[in-house]
């Protein structure tokens, strides 16, 4: 399996973008623009967007309207997370990165981790009202998976049951990747998880707040 890695000098953390080209080639046949985007980020990631003081998806503090996420125990990603946490990676110290790397190296459906994303102000109605700026919204997807040709965006949360704004965060990941690749939001699925619980939702069913 061929995995390519690149350190991203972005504000907010030590991001190492990794892609399994072997799995991407196999699983992205229905979504060639996704494969192209993942490859392009190794060459032309606009690092300036991630350091210009604009909003970050992981720090958004407002809720979306729409259906509540579905809670699931013993979900596949939770089982993978449990395995990842049980293995001693000498080169990885934090649980977040251990789960990500284990899934990329061992899960047949995980194709990339720490995927960089951004959204321009003219790509979303009421952008200025929501974010009070015209600077780009940015973020990094924890785990990107392909299952039954659907694009799954997952975010690892140590205690997902107590998360108030995880749905908002992951929704905007889906929206940003949809804008960057031209793939309709209906092709995406979203979730956040730990080693015991997973919460899933359809991004197409979520709506921005009225106020």
Protein backbone atom coordinates (compact mmCIF):
# COMPACT_ATOMS: atom_id res chain seq x y z
CA UNK A 1 0.00 0.00 0.00
CA UNK A 2 1.38 3.39 -1.03
CA UNK A 3 0.79 6.20 1.49
CA UNK A 4 2.02 9.71 0.77
CA UNK A 5 2.48 12.23 3.58
CA UNK A 6 3.02 15.99 3.77
CA UNK A 7 3.41 18.30 6.75
CA UNK A 8 1.03 21.27 6.56
CA UNK A 9 2.28 24.48 8.25
CA UNK A 10 -1.21 25.58 9.27
CA UNK A 11 -2.39 27.49 12.32
CA UNK A 12 -3.95 25.42 15.08
CA UNK A 13 -1.92 22.23 15.15
CA UNK A 14 0.73 19.95 13.69
CA UNK A 15 -1.13 18.62 10.66
CA UNK A 16 0.30 15.75 8.63
CA UNK A 17 -1.79 15.17 5.53
CA UNK A 18 -1.72 11.53 4.42
CA UNK A 19 -3.36 9.75 1.48
CA UNK A 20 -3.44 6.08 0.53
CA UNK A 21 -3.06 6.28 -3.24
CA UNK A 22 -3.71 2.55 -3.54
CA UNK A 23 -7.15 2.77 -1.91
CA UNK A 24 -7.98 6.10 -3.53
CA UNK A 25 -7.40 4.61 -6.98
CA UNK A 26 -9.66 1.68 -6.12
CA UNK A 27 -12.49 3.49 -4.30
CA UNK A 28 -12.79 6.83 -6.10
CA UNK A 29 -13.80 5.54 -9.53
CA UNK A 30 -17.24 7.16 -9.15
CA UNK A 31 -15.67 10.40 -7.90
CA UNK A 32 -12.60 11.17 -10.03
CA UNK A 33 -12.65 14.82 -8.96
CA UNK A 34 -12.10 13.72 -5.34
CA UNK A 35 -9.06 11.70 -6.34
CA UNK A 36 -7.75 14.69 -8.30
CA UNK A 37 -8.29 17.02 -5.35
CA UNK A 38 -6.46 14.74 -2.92
CA UNK A 39 -3.49 14.53 -5.29
CA UNK A 40 -3.51 18.27 -5.96
CA UNK A 41 -3.22 19.14 -2.27
CA UNK A 42 0.31 17.74 -2.21
CA UNK A 43 1.35 20.29 -4.83
CA UNK A 44 -0.83 23.38 -4.52
CA UNK A 45 -2.43 23.56 -1.09
CA UNK A 46 -3.08 27.31 -0.47
CA UNK A 47 -1.40 27.47 2.94
CA UNK A 48 -2.06 31.20 3.26
CA UNK A 49 -5.79 30.58 3.73
CA UNK A 50 -5.02 28.62 6.91
CA UNK A 51 -2.96 31.38 8.48
CA UNK A 52 -4.85 34.56 7.59
CA UNK A 53 -6.92 34.74 10.78
CA UNK A 54 -10.14 33.51 9.17
CA UNK A 55 -12.69 31.24 10.85
CA UNK A 56 -11.87 27.57 11.48
CA UNK A 57 -14.53 24.91 11.25
CA UNK A 58 -13.38 23.19 14.44
CA UNK A 59 -14.00 26.41 16.41
CA UNK A 60 -17.52 27.21 15.16
CA UNK A 61 -19.97 27.73 18.00
CA UNK A 62 -23.45 27.78 16.50
CA UNK A 63 -25.94 25.01 15.86
CA UNK A 64 -27.60 23.98 12.62
CA UNK A 65 -31.28 23.33 12.08
CA UNK A 66 -32.31 19.90 10.86
CA UNK A 67 -32.46 16.31 12.06
CA UNK A 68 -30.48 15.20 15.10
CA UNK A 69 -27.54 12.83 14.51
CA UNK A 70 -28.24 9.13 14.92
CA UNK A 71 -26.40 7.51 17.83
CA UNK A 72 -24.87 4.08 17.21
CA UNK A 73 -22.92 1.75 19.46
CA UNK A 74 -20.35 -0.73 18.13
CA UNK A 75 -20.16 1.13 14.81
CA UNK A 76 -17.38 0.03 12.47
CA UNK A 77 -15.40 3.24 13.03
CA UNK A 78 -15.68 2.84 16.81
CA UNK A 79 -14.31 -0.68 16.60
CA UNK A 80 -11.44 0.58 14.46
CA UNK A 81 -10.86 3.37 16.96
CA UNK A 82 -10.67 0.88 19.83
CA UNK A 83 -8.06 -1.17 17.96
CA UNK A 84 -6.06 1.96 17.17
CA UNK A 85 -6.03 3.04 20.81
CA UNK A 86 -4.86 -0.40 21.93
CA UNK A 87 -1.74 -0.36 19.76
CA UNK A 88 1.44 1.33 20.91
CA UNK A 89 2.66 3.51 18.04
CA UNK A 90 6.18 4.52 19.02
CA UNK A 91 6.08 7.42 16.59
CA UNK A 92 2.62 8.63 17.64
CA UNK A 93 1.81 9.86 21.14
CA UNK A 94 -1.69 11.39 21.08
CA UNK A 95 -4.85 9.27 20.78
CA UNK A 96 -6.28 11.39 17.99
CA UNK A 97 -3.37 10.68 15.66
CA UNK A 98 -3.16 7.02 16.71
CA UNK A 99 -6.76 6.43 15.66
CA UNK A 100 -6.27 8.27 12.36
CA UNK A 101 -3.09 6.45 11.41
CA UNK A 102 -4.45 3.04 12.39
CA UNK A 103 -7.51 3.56 10.21
CA UNK A 104 -5.49 4.74 7.23
CA UNK A 105 -3.09 1.81 7.46
CA UNK A 106 -5.59 -0.94 8.35
CA UNK A 107 -9.10 0.02 7.26
CA UNK A 108 -9.98 -0.83 3.66
CA UNK A 109 -12.35 2.14 3.40
CA UNK A 110 -10.19 4.95 4.83
CA UNK A 111 -8.39 6.81 2.04
CA UNK A 112 -7.02 9.96 3.70
CA UNK A 113 -6.51 11.82 6.98
CA UNK A 114 -6.07 15.50 7.87
CA UNK A 115 -7.47 16.60 4.50
CA UNK A 116 -7.16 20.40 4.10
CA UNK A 117 -10.28 22.35 3.07
CA UNK A 118 -11.45 25.91 2.61
CA UNK A 119 -14.52 27.92 1.62
CA UNK A 120 -14.57 31.35 -0.05
CA UNK A 121 -17.04 33.98 1.11
CA UNK A 122 -18.79 34.05 -2.28
CA UNK A 123 -19.52 30.31 -2.12
CA UNK A 124 -22.12 30.54 0.64
CA UNK A 125 -25.10 32.83 1.04
CA UNK A 126 -24.96 34.92 4.24
CA UNK A 127 -21.27 34.03 4.70
CA UNK A 128 -20.45 37.48 6.09
CA UNK A 129 -23.36 37.30 8.53
CA UNK A 130 -22.33 33.86 9.82
CA UNK A 131 -18.61 34.49 10.13
CA UNK A 132 -18.34 38.30 10.31
CA UNK A 133 -15.46 38.28 7.81
CA UNK A 134 -14.62 37.66 4.18
CA UNK A 135 -11.54 35.60 5.03
CA UNK A 136 -11.71 31.93 4.07
CA UNK A 137 -13.27 29.34 6.36
CA UNK A 138 -10.76 26.50 6.74
CA UNK A 139 -10.51 23.04 8.28
CA UNK A 140 -8.97 19.57 8.16
CA UNK A 141 -10.95 16.34 7.88
CA UNK A 142 -9.83 13.80 10.48
CA UNK A 143 -10.78 10.69 8.52
CA UNK A 144 -12.05 10.41 4.94
CA UNK A 145 -13.68 7.10 3.98
CA UNK A 146 -15.52 5.69 0.98
CA UNK A 147 -18.36 3.25 1.64
CA UNK A 148 -20.78 2.03 -1.02
CA UNK A 149 -19.54 4.85 -3.26
CA UNK A 150 -20.59 7.47 -0.68
CA UNK A 151 -18.02 9.88 0.73
CA UNK A 152 -17.89 9.66 4.52
CA UNK A 153 -16.40 12.48 6.56
CA UNK A 154 -15.53 11.48 10.12
CA UNK A 155 -14.24 13.46 13.07
CA UNK A 156 -12.69 11.76 16.10
CA UNK A 157 -14.03 13.08 19.41
CA UNK A 158 -12.84 11.67 22.76
CA UNK A 159 -16.30 12.25 24.28
CA UNK A 160 -18.80 12.62 21.41
CA UNK A 161 -21.87 12.44 23.65
CA UNK A 162 -20.98 15.81 25.17
CA UNK A 163 -20.23 17.56 21.87
CA UNK A 164 -22.56 20.50 21.19
CA UNK A 165 -21.21 21.73 17.88
CA UNK A 166 -19.65 18.67 16.23
CA UNK A 167 -22.53 18.47 13.73
CA UNK A 168 -21.81 22.03 12.60
CA UNK A 169 -18.09 21.34 12.30
CA UNK A 170 -18.45 18.17 10.24
CA UNK A 171 -21.24 19.65 8.10
CA UNK A 172 -18.94 22.42 6.99
CA UNK A 173 -16.24 19.88 6.18
CA UNK A 174 -18.71 18.23 3.82
CA UNK A 175 -19.78 21.55 2.35
CA UNK A 176 -16.19 22.64 1.78
CA UNK A 177 -15.21 19.37 0.12
CA UNK A 178 -18.33 19.53 -2.02
CA UNK A 179 -17.35 23.02 -3.20
CA UNK A 180 -13.72 22.06 -3.82
CA UNK A 181 -14.55 18.94 -5.84
CA UNK A 182 -17.88 19.83 -7.46
CA UNK A 183 -19.45 16.69 -5.98
CA UNK A 184 -23.07 17.20 -4.81
CA UNK A 185 -23.71 17.23 -1.08
CA UNK A 186 -26.10 14.29 -1.57
CA UNK A 187 -23.03 12.09 -2.16
CA UNK A 188 -21.68 12.82 1.32
CA UNK A 189 -22.31 11.30 4.72
CA UNK A 190 -21.06 12.74 8.02
CA UNK A 191 -20.23 11.54 11.50
CA UNK A 192 -18.14 11.89 14.64
CA UNK A 193 -17.04 9.10 16.94
CA UNK A 194 -14.87 7.56 19.62
CA UNK A 195 -14.20 3.94 20.58
CA UNK A 196 -17.73 3.33 21.91
CA UNK A 197 -20.14 5.73 20.19
CA UNK A 198 -20.71 7.12 16.71
CA UNK A 199 -23.11 9.84 15.57
CA UNK A 200 -24.12 10.06 11.91
CA UNK A 201 -26.21 12.42 9.79
CA UNK A 202 -26.96 13.44 6.22
CA UNK A 203 -25.45 16.86 5.48
CA UNK A 204 -28.11 17.55 2.85
CA UNK A 205 -30.72 17.56 5.65
CA UNK A 206 -29.01 20.26 7.68
CA UNK A 207 -29.82 23.96 7.41
CA UNK A 208 -28.01 27.10 8.46
CA UNK A 209 -29.51 29.02 11.41
CA UNK A 210 -31.91 31.84 10.60
CA UNK A 211 -30.23 34.23 13.01
